[in-house]
């Protein structure tokens, strides 16, 4: 059969088809795309959002009145107690890192080639350190409507320190009341958006210090975290507790090592791998005899002193400054296979992070000392990097710590030590002027809080959708 499109009229038919095709293409590209989306215009910003590496990571910093941060540092003499070994003003230097070890001490052997990144850092300076890092954060925005989180640079811990001893509760609570009043003021659009659930702040004290339950002057701390507005905000602190609230999160204590380059971190890690460790275990701390004659610490110290050369004890009792010097602490921990980390005034200790920094396997006696705390920074499987000994075992006078630790094979020790050394970048706070690219404690904390706030945001959306659906159904 003859093909109907072939013949004397074939060329005309092809010409007609070509013209029709061109017309259809023109009409297609000329369409108003809003008609295809039920009247909703396609946002041309979608592609730009996909290309924006900061989308979903933008953070807006509240420009607080200076009374909440800068003035606290200017009046740093008020932070020093009579019983303090050092003037607290000393530790406000260098973005909260404190004096550089290189300036004060000439014994560099313990710190090797990384000595210029070591400082006499006070554990209570975390809020200052974090604030200065946040100022250099790569995804800051001046437009709060773009922000996924709002940072509140209130030096809650340092402010409280000025009024902890000898002051009425009304004085201790004053700054907290003034802060939430400022944040929730009617003209603040940032607060109204999620009623503070996208706000977060950082404290260099444990979260329990902000949960005073009564107004008795004899009771410890402030009640800042019991204020309704404060309860909406998230707090990152050196110690939290899941038994209180869903928006308290623990992040590492600041150590004395603040690297400025990736190579410094790699050099330090390699040095810890090669380190000779003559002590099976060590303990850096002071006794608690005045509180409990059968305390875990007393048992640890006694067993350490009785173990001859297998344990090294660094006495941190009041009146000594051994543990205030990072050189002294590192020198002991670098030479130890295991570092004992019993609870102190609270469940957690800065010493835990000093031991990780030294490549020393931490030994815990309570799950609240690490496992239920630093979920963004430490592995979920705690057996990979630590040893756990239930504290109640130490109340048995026949129990010996060294027998448990000797039972850990060399292969297990090496595997745990390697895991500990790999954790080093995750638990240090890098110099804000650094050119490093590794994820440090700050980066992981920011990533963690952004994730939590996004979870809150999704929950709010779901509630609104449910409420709207119920309303429509009833209507």
Protein backbone atom coordinates (compact mmCIF):
# COMPACT_ATOMS: atom_id res chain seq x y z
CA UNK A 1 0.00 0.00 0.00
CA UNK A 2 1.21 3.47 -0.82
CA UNK A 3 2.22 5.58 2.16
CA UNK A 4 -0.29 8.49 2.29
CA UNK A 5 2.44 10.93 3.35
CA UNK A 6 4.54 10.20 0.34
CA UNK A 7 3.67 11.64 -2.98
CA UNK A 8 3.30 14.93 -4.67
CA UNK A 9 1.61 16.44 -1.62
CA UNK A 10 4.12 14.90 0.87
CA UNK A 11 6.38 17.93 1.08
CA UNK A 12 3.38 20.20 1.82
CA UNK A 13 2.18 17.94 4.61
CA UNK A 14 5.61 17.90 6.28
CA UNK A 15 5.73 21.68 6.03
CA UNK A 16 2.32 21.95 7.73
CA UNK A 17 3.42 19.59 10.54
CA UNK A 18 6.61 21.58 11.07
CA UNK A 19 4.65 24.86 11.32
CA UNK A 20 2.16 23.33 13.79
CA UNK A 21 5.02 21.96 15.95
CA UNK A 22 6.72 25.38 16.10
CA UNK A 23 3.45 27.04 17.08
CA UNK A 24 2.86 24.50 19.87
CA UNK A 25 6.41 25.02 21.20
CA UNK A 26 5.94 28.77 21.17
CA UNK A 27 2.65 28.52 23.03
CA UNK A 28 4.16 26.10 25.55
CA UNK A 29 7.03 28.39 26.45
CA UNK A 30 4.73 31.41 26.52
CA UNK A 31 2.33 29.90 29.07
CA UNK A 32 1.84 31.58 32.46
CA UNK A 33 3.08 28.83 34.77
CA UNK A 34 0.92 30.14 37.56
CA UNK A 35 -2.03 28.43 35.80
CA UNK A 36 -0.33 25.06 36.29
CA UNK A 37 0.03 25.57 40.03
CA UNK A 38 -3.55 26.52 40.94
CA UNK A 39 -2.74 30.20 41.06
CA UNK A 40 0.44 29.83 43.18
CA UNK A 41 3.44 31.34 41.47
CA UNK A 42 6.57 29.27 41.33
CA UNK A 43 9.17 30.81 43.62
CA UNK A 44 12.20 31.57 41.52
CA UNK A 45 14.23 31.45 44.72
CA UNK A 46 13.98 27.66 44.86
CA UNK A 47 17.02 27.16 42.67
CA UNK A 48 18.94 29.82 44.54
CA UNK A 49 18.12 28.08 47.83
CA UNK A 50 19.47 24.82 46.49
CA UNK A 51 22.69 26.58 45.57
CA UNK A 52 22.91 28.44 48.90
CA UNK A 53 25.20 26.38 51.14
CA UNK A 54 23.95 28.30 54.17
CA UNK A 55 20.26 27.66 53.60
CA UNK A 56 18.90 26.00 56.72
CA UNK A 57 22.04 27.00 58.63
CA UNK A 58 21.63 30.77 58.93
CA UNK A 59 21.93 32.12 62.47
CA UNK A 60 20.96 35.57 63.67
CA UNK A 61 22.71 37.01 66.75
CA UNK A 62 20.63 39.23 69.00
CA UNK A 63 22.34 42.57 69.63
CA UNK A 64 21.81 42.51 73.38
CA UNK A 65 22.43 45.52 75.63
CA UNK A 66 26.02 45.41 76.91
CA UNK A 67 24.87 44.70 80.48
CA UNK A 68 24.26 41.07 79.47
CA UNK A 69 27.76 40.35 78.14
CA UNK A 70 30.37 43.05 77.52
CA UNK A 71 29.84 44.77 80.87
CA UNK A 72 30.28 41.44 82.67
CA UNK A 73 33.79 41.20 81.23
CA UNK A 74 34.58 44.87 81.80
CA UNK A 75 33.77 44.36 85.49
CA UNK A 76 35.63 41.05 85.61
CA UNK A 77 37.03 41.82 89.06
CA UNK A 78 33.56 40.99 90.40
CA UNK A 79 34.00 37.42 89.12
CA UNK A 80 36.88 36.70 91.48
CA UNK A 81 36.15 35.20 94.89
CA UNK A 82 38.44 35.45 97.89
CA UNK A 83 39.09 31.70 97.72
CA UNK A 84 40.09 31.77 94.02
CA UNK A 85 43.71 30.97 93.24
CA UNK A 86 43.82 33.39 90.31
CA UNK A 87 42.25 36.68 89.27
CA UNK A 88 39.38 35.78 86.92
CA UNK A 89 40.21 38.80 84.76
CA UNK A 90 43.24 36.81 83.64
CA UNK A 91 41.03 34.28 81.88
CA UNK A 92 38.98 36.78 79.88
CA UNK A 93 41.96 37.47 77.59
CA UNK A 94 42.38 36.00 74.09
CA UNK A 95 38.68 35.61 73.29
CA UNK A 96 38.09 33.77 76.55
CA UNK A 97 41.00 31.34 76.12
CA UNK A 98 43.04 33.01 78.85
CA UNK A 99 46.84 33.60 78.87
CA UNK A 100 48.89 31.72 76.33
CA UNK A 101 50.97 28.91 77.83
CA UNK A 102 53.84 29.86 75.55
CA UNK A 103 54.12 33.22 77.33
CA UNK A 104 54.05 31.94 80.90
CA UNK A 105 55.79 28.57 80.88
CA UNK A 106 59.05 27.51 79.29
CA UNK A 107 58.54 23.73 79.65
CA UNK A 108 57.30 22.99 76.13
CA UNK A 109 58.16 19.30 75.93
CA UNK A 110 54.73 18.13 77.03
CA UNK A 111 52.98 20.18 74.34
CA UNK A 112 55.43 19.52 71.51
CA UNK A 113 55.14 21.68 68.36
CA UNK A 114 51.57 22.74 69.13
CA UNK A 115 52.53 24.90 72.12
CA UNK A 116 51.34 28.18 70.59
CA UNK A 117 47.77 26.86 70.59
CA UNK A 118 47.73 26.07 74.31
CA UNK A 119 46.20 28.43 76.85
CA UNK A 120 45.37 28.58 80.55
CA UNK A 121 41.63 28.24 79.83
CA UNK A 122 39.09 28.42 82.63
CA UNK A 123 36.13 26.05 82.34
CA UNK A 124 33.65 28.82 83.17
CA UNK A 125 34.62 30.81 80.06
CA UNK A 126 32.68 28.64 77.62
CA UNK A 127 30.04 31.30 76.95
CA UNK A 128 32.73 33.83 76.00
CA UNK A 129 34.57 31.31 73.82
CA UNK A 130 31.36 30.27 72.08
CA UNK A 131 30.26 33.87 71.48
CA UNK A 132 33.57 34.77 69.85
CA UNK A 133 33.39 31.69 67.63
CA UNK A 134 29.82 32.57 66.69
CA UNK A 135 30.95 36.00 65.53
CA UNK A 136 33.07 34.19 62.91
CA UNK A 137 30.38 31.67 61.96
CA UNK A 138 30.19 31.33 58.19
CA UNK A 139 26.39 31.52 57.96
CA UNK A 140 25.52 34.59 60.02
CA UNK A 141 22.70 36.79 58.76
CA UNK A 142 21.47 40.28 59.60
CA UNK A 143 17.99 39.29 58.37
CA UNK A 144 16.32 37.40 61.21
CA UNK A 145 13.56 36.19 58.86
CA UNK A 146 16.14 34.04 57.06
CA UNK A 147 17.57 32.58 60.26
CA UNK A 148 17.01 28.97 61.25
CA UNK A 149 18.14 29.80 64.78
CA UNK A 150 18.56 32.88 66.97
CA UNK A 151 21.62 33.09 69.23
CA UNK A 152 21.29 34.95 72.54
CA UNK A 153 24.80 35.99 73.73
CA UNK A 154 23.89 36.25 77.41
CA UNK A 155 26.78 35.34 79.73
CA UNK A 156 24.42 33.61 82.13
CA UNK A 157 27.07 31.66 84.03
CA UNK A 158 29.46 34.55 84.56
CA UNK A 159 26.63 36.87 85.51
CA UNK A 160 25.46 34.35 88.10
CA UNK A 161 28.99 33.87 89.43
CA UNK A 162 29.07 37.53 90.49
CA UNK A 163 26.06 37.02 92.77
CA UNK A 164 26.23 33.41 93.96
CA UNK A 165 27.71 34.04 97.38
CA UNK A 166 26.21 36.46 99.88
CA UNK A 167 23.43 37.85 97.66
CA UNK A 168 19.65 37.56 97.89
CA UNK A 169 17.79 35.48 95.35
CA UNK A 170 16.24 38.62 93.86
CA UNK A 171 19.73 39.87 92.94
CA UNK A 172 20.73 36.51 91.44
CA UNK A 173 17.54 36.45 89.35
CA UNK A 174 17.57 40.07 88.19
CA UNK A 175 19.52 39.70 84.93
CA UNK A 176 17.46 36.71 83.84
CA UNK A 177 14.20 38.60 84.36
CA UNK A 178 15.54 41.60 82.45
CA UNK A 179 16.78 39.41 79.59
CA UNK A 180 13.47 37.64 78.92
CA UNK A 181 11.65 40.96 79.21
CA UNK A 182 13.95 42.39 76.52
CA UNK A 183 13.63 39.32 74.26
CA UNK A 184 9.84 39.05 74.47
CA UNK A 185 9.15 42.75 74.03
CA UNK A 186 6.20 43.43 71.74
CA UNK A 187 8.32 45.01 69.03
CA UNK A 188 10.61 41.96 68.68
CA UNK A 189 9.48 39.96 65.61
CA UNK A 190 12.16 37.33 66.28
CA UNK A 191 10.41 36.17 69.44
CA UNK A 192 6.88 36.13 68.02
CA UNK A 193 7.84 33.80 65.18
CA UNK A 194 8.23 30.72 67.44
CA UNK A 195 7.83 32.29 70.90
CA UNK A 196 11.52 31.71 71.58
CA UNK A 197 11.67 28.04 70.59
CA UNK A 198 14.24 28.91 67.91
CA UNK A 199 16.39 30.85 70.42
CA UNK A 200 19.41 29.36 72.17
CA UNK A 201 22.11 30.45 74.59
CA UNK A 202 25.29 28.94 76.07
CA UNK A 203 26.41 28.60 79.68
CA UNK A 204 29.76 27.73 81.20
CA UNK A 205 28.01 26.36 84.28
CA UNK A 206 25.93 23.21 84.74
CA UNK A 207 22.24 23.64 83.94
CA UNK A 208 21.27 22.74 87.52
CA UNK A 209 22.71 26.09 88.67
CA UNK A 210 19.80 27.82 86.90
CA UNK A 211 17.03 25.71 88.41
CA UNK A 212 16.61 26.97 91.94
CA UNK A 213 13.22 25.75 93.16
CA UNK A 214 12.50 28.22 95.95
CA UNK A 215 13.20 31.82 96.89
CA UNK A 216 15.13 30.93 100.04
CA UNK A 217 18.38 32.87 100.14
CA UNK A 218 20.14 29.76 101.40
CA UNK A 219 19.30 27.79 98.24
CA UNK A 220 21.87 27.58 95.46
CA UNK A 221 21.71 29.25 92.05
CA UNK A 222 19.08 31.19 90.13
CA UNK A 223 15.69 30.22 88.74
CA UNK A 224 16.40 31.52 85.26
CA UNK A 225 15.49 28.23 83.56
CA UNK A 226 12.14 28.15 85.35
CA UNK A 227 11.01 31.40 83.75
CA UNK A 228 8.35 30.62 81.09
CA UNK A 229 10.22 32.46 78.35
CA UNK A 230 13.51 30.79 79.27
CA UNK A 231 11.87 27.37 79.17
CA UNK A 232 11.04 27.95 75.50
CA UNK A 233 14.68 28.64 74.68
CA UNK A 234 17.39 25.99 74.40
CA UNK A 235 20.48 26.09 76.60
CA UNK A 236 23.82 24.52 75.75
CA UNK A 237 25.86 23.95 78.91
CA UNK A 238 28.75 21.87 80.20
CA UNK A 239 26.29 19.55 81.93
CA UNK A 240 22.62 18.89 81.32
CA UNK A 241 20.06 16.39 82.51
CA UNK A 242 17.32 14.70 80.53
CA UNK A 243 15.19 14.51 83.66
CA UNK A 244 14.51 18.27 83.54
CA UNK A 245 13.71 19.43 80.04
CA UNK A 246 13.95 18.57 76.36
CA UNK A 247 15.78 21.77 75.48
CA UNK A 248 18.87 21.48 77.71
CA UNK A 249 21.88 20.06 75.87
CA UNK A 250 25.39 19.27 77.06
CA UNK A 251 28.47 20.27 75.08
CA UNK A 252 32.14 19.70 76.02
CA UNK A 253 33.98 21.64 78.69
CA UNK A 254 36.67 23.84 77.11
CA UNK A 255 40.13 22.30 77.27
CA UNK A 256 43.39 24.27 77.04
CA UNK A 257 44.07 23.27 73.42
CA UNK A 258 42.68 25.65 70.77
CA UNK A 259 44.27 24.69 67.45
CA UNK A 260 44.48 27.17 64.63
CA UNK A 261 45.30 24.75 61.78
CA UNK A 262 44.39 21.22 60.75
CA UNK A 263 48.05 20.22 60.82
CA UNK A 264 48.28 21.05 64.53
CA UNK A 265 45.46 18.63 65.26
CA UNK A 266 47.02 15.89 63.11
CA UNK A 267 50.42 16.40 64.75
CA UNK A 268 48.91 16.17 68.21
CA UNK A 269 46.95 13.02 67.34
CA UNK A 270 50.07 11.34 65.92
CA UNK A 271 52.01 12.24 69.03
CA UNK A 272 49.36 10.68 71.27
CA UNK A 273 49.49 7.47 69.20
CA UNK A 274 53.24 7.17 69.72
CA UNK A 275 53.19 8.16 73.39
CA UNK A 276 54.79 5.78 75.89
CA UNK A 277 52.33 5.09 78.74
CA UNK A 278 54.06 3.58 81.80
CA UNK A 279 51.05 4.02 84.13
CA UNK A 280 48.10 1.63 83.89
CA UNK A 281 45.78 4.31 85.26
CA UNK A 282 45.82 7.76 86.84
CA UNK A 283 43.56 10.15 88.70
CA UNK A 284 43.68 13.95 88.84
CA UNK A 285 41.44 15.36 91.54
CA UNK A 286 40.90 16.15 95.18
CA UNK A 287 39.39 14.17 98.03
CA UNK A 288 35.81 14.60 99.27
CA UNK A 289 36.35 13.34 102.84
CA UNK A 290 34.51 16.24 104.44
CA UNK A 291 31.31 15.21 102.68
CA UNK A 292 31.39 11.45 102.67
CA UNK A 293 33.91 9.28 104.45
CA UNK A 294 33.20 6.38 102.08
CA UNK A 295 33.14 8.40 98.87
CA UNK A 296 34.13 6.99 95.50
CA UNK A 297 36.95 9.51 95.31
CA UNK A 298 38.45 8.42 98.60
CA UNK A 299 38.43 4.82 97.43
CA UNK A 300 40.05 5.79 94.11
CA UNK A 301 42.79 7.85 95.77
CA UNK A 302 43.55 5.16 98.32
CA UNK A 303 43.75 2.43 95.69
CA UNK A 304 45.92 4.63 93.49
CA UNK A 305 48.37 5.35 96.31
CA UNK A 306 48.50 1.67 97.26
CA UNK A 307 49.14 0.47 93.71
CA UNK A 308 52.84 1.33 93.73
CA UNK A 309 53.92 2.29 90.22
CA UNK A 310 50.79 1.24 88.27
CA UNK A 311 48.84 4.42 89.14
CA UNK A 312 49.71 8.12 89.13
CA UNK A 313 47.83 10.49 91.44
CA UNK A 314 47.76 14.24 90.74
CA UNK A 315 46.50 15.99 93.85
CA UNK A 316 44.05 18.80 93.07
CA UNK A 317 43.08 19.59 96.65
CA UNK A 318 42.42 23.17 97.68
CA UNK A 319 45.66 25.00 98.27
CA UNK A 320 47.40 23.37 95.32
CA UNK A 321 47.51 24.59 91.73
CA UNK A 322 48.59 21.33 90.11
CA UNK A 323 45.42 20.86 88.10
CA UNK A 324 45.20 24.51 87.02
CA UNK A 325 48.30 24.03 84.87
CA UNK A 326 47.60 22.18 81.59
CA UNK A 327 51.24 21.09 81.49
CA UNK A 328 50.89 19.19 84.77
CA UNK A 329 47.63 17.54 83.74
CA UNK A 330 48.80 16.58 80.25
CA UNK A 331 52.07 15.21 81.57
CA UNK A 332 50.18 12.72 83.79
CA UNK A 333 47.44 11.80 81.31
CA UNK A 334 49.81 11.35 78.36
CA UNK A 335 51.67 8.68 80.32
CA UNK A 336 48.53 6.79 81.38
CA UNK A 337 46.54 4.06 79.63
CA UNK A 338 43.35 4.76 81.62
CA UNK A 339 42.17 7.95 83.35
CA UNK A 340 39.63 7.64 86.17
CA UNK A 341 36.69 10.07 85.97
CA UNK A 342 34.44 9.79 89.05
CA UNK A 343 31.69 12.37 89.70
CA UNK A 344 32.82 15.52 91.50
CA UNK A 345 30.67 18.44 92.60
CA UNK A 346 28.39 17.26 89.79
CA UNK A 347 28.28 14.24 87.49
CA UNK A 348 30.60 15.64 84.82
CA UNK A 349 34.21 16.83 84.88
CA UNK A 350 36.46 18.87 82.63
CA UNK A 351 39.06 16.18 83.30
CA UNK A 352 37.11 13.84 81.00
CA UNK A 353 37.99 16.00 78.00
CA UNK A 354 41.55 16.52 79.18
CA UNK A 355 41.97 12.74 79.23
CA UNK A 356 40.52 12.35 75.72
CA UNK A 357 42.84 15.10 74.54
CA UNK A 358 45.77 13.11 75.98
CA UNK A 359 44.69 9.87 74.30
CA UNK A 360 43.92 8.38 77.71
CA UNK A 361 40.94 6.01 77.88
CA UNK A 362 38.37 7.45 80.34
CA UNK A 363 36.94 5.24 83.08
CA UNK A 364 33.49 6.30 84.30
CA UNK A 365 31.63 5.34 87.46
CA UNK A 366 28.24 6.91 86.65
CA UNK A 367 26.41 7.03 83.28
CA UNK A 368 25.59 10.70 83.89
CA UNK A 369 29.29 11.58 83.67
CA UNK A 370 29.28 11.25 79.86
CA UNK A 371 26.95 8.69 78.30
CA UNK A 372 23.69 10.56 78.87
CA UNK A 373 25.30 13.96 78.32
CA UNK A 374 27.37 14.64 75.19
CA UNK A 375 25.21 12.94 72.57
CA UNK A 376 26.40 15.23 69.76
CA UNK A 377 30.09 14.76 70.48
CA UNK A 378 30.70 11.26 71.87
CA UNK A 379 29.85 7.88 70.30
CA UNK A 380 26.56 6.26 71.27
CA UNK A 381 28.39 2.98 71.82
CA UNK A 382 30.42 4.00 74.86
CA UNK A 383 32.28 0.68 75.05
CA UNK A 384 34.28 1.74 71.99
CA UNK A 385 36.09 4.54 73.78
CA UNK A 386 35.67 4.04 77.55
CA UNK A 387 35.40 1.63 80.47
CA UNK A 388 32.46 1.66 82.89
CA UNK A 389 32.73 0.56 86.52
CA UNK A 390 29.54 0.92 88.61
CA UNK A 391 30.31 3.27 91.50
CA UNK A 392 28.76 0.95 94.05
CA UNK A 393 31.54 -1.56 93.43
CA UNK A 394 34.04 0.77 95.05
CA UNK A 395 32.13 0.59 98.30
CA UNK A 396 33.24 -3.02 98.51
CA UNK A 397 36.67 -2.85 100.18
CA UNK A 398 37.72 -6.04 98.42
CA UNK A 399 37.14 -4.61 94.94
CA UNK A 400 40.32 -3.54 93.11
CA UNK A 401 40.22 -1.17 90.14
CA UNK A 402 43.50 -2.39 88.72
CA UNK A 403 42.18 -5.96 88.44
CA UNK A 404 39.39 -4.77 86.15
CA UNK A 405 41.72 -2.66 84.03
CA UNK A 406 44.38 -5.37 83.75
CA UNK A 407 41.63 -7.58 82.35
CA UNK A 408 41.37 -5.33 79.28
CA UNK A 409 43.57 -6.92 76.62
CA UNK A 410 46.27 -5.02 74.76
CA UNK A 411 44.27 -5.32 71.55
CA UNK A 412 41.19 -3.83 73.24
CA UNK A 413 43.29 -1.04 74.73
CA UNK A 414 44.73 -0.12 71.35
CA UNK A 415 41.30 -0.14 69.71
CA UNK A 416 39.79 2.09 72.42
CA UNK A 417 42.77 4.43 72.41
CA UNK A 418 42.44 4.89 68.67
CA UNK A 419 38.77 5.77 69.10
CA UNK A 420 39.69 8.25 71.83
CA UNK A 421 42.34 9.90 69.65
CA UNK A 422 39.86 10.18 66.77
CA UNK A 423 37.54 12.08 69.12
CA UNK A 424 40.09 14.85 69.77
CA UNK A 425 38.92 17.20 66.96
CA UNK A 426 35.32 16.84 68.18
CA UNK A 427 35.99 17.96 71.76
CA UNK A 428 38.27 20.98 71.25
CA UNK A 429 37.23 24.57 70.50
CA UNK A 430 39.37 25.87 67.66
CA UNK A 431 40.79 29.37 67.57
CA UNK A 432 38.19 31.70 65.95
CA UNK A 433 41.01 33.14 63.82
CA UNK A 434 41.92 29.66 62.59
CA UNK A 435 42.06 28.36 59.04
CA UNK A 436 41.09 24.85 60.11
CA UNK A 437 38.42 22.86 58.33
CA UNK A 438 37.82 20.02 60.76
CA UNK A 439 34.56 19.85 62.69
CA UNK A 440 35.29 20.92 66.26
CA UNK A 441 33.10 21.06 69.38
CA UNK A 442 31.57 24.37 68.26
CA UNK A 443 30.64 23.08 64.80
CA UNK A 444 29.00 19.96 66.21
CA UNK A 445 27.10 21.99 68.81
CA UNK A 446 25.75 24.34 66.12
CA UNK A 447 24.79 21.42 63.90
CA UNK A 448 23.08 19.76 66.84
CA UNK A 449 21.07 22.79 67.93
CA UNK A 450 20.00 23.56 64.34
CA UNK A 451 18.70 20.00 64.08
CA UNK A 452 16.81 20.24 67.37
CA UNK A 453 15.22 23.57 66.47
CA UNK A 454 14.15 22.17 63.11
CA UNK A 455 12.51 19.31 65.01
CA UNK A 456 10.62 21.87 67.12
CA UNK A 457 9.65 23.74 63.97
CA UNK A 458 8.25 20.60 62.30
CA UNK A 459 6.28 19.76 65.44
CA UNK A 460 4.71 23.24 65.42
CA UNK A 461 3.77 22.83 61.74
CA UNK A 462 2.16 19.47 62.44
CA UNK A 463 0.14 20.90 65.31
CA UNK A 464 -1.06 23.77 63.10
CA UNK A 465 -2.02 21.37 60.29
CA UNK A 466 -3.93 19.19 62.76
CA UNK A 467 -5.71 22.20 64.25
CA UNK A 468 -6.67 23.48 60.80
CA UNK A 469 -7.93 20.06 59.76
CA UNK A 470 -10.03 19.76 62.91
CA UNK A 471 -11.43 23.25 62.35
CA UNK A 472 -12.41 22.46 58.77
CA UNK A 473 -14.01 19.18 59.83
CA UNK A 474 -16.07 20.88 62.54
CA UNK A 475 -17.00 23.69 60.17
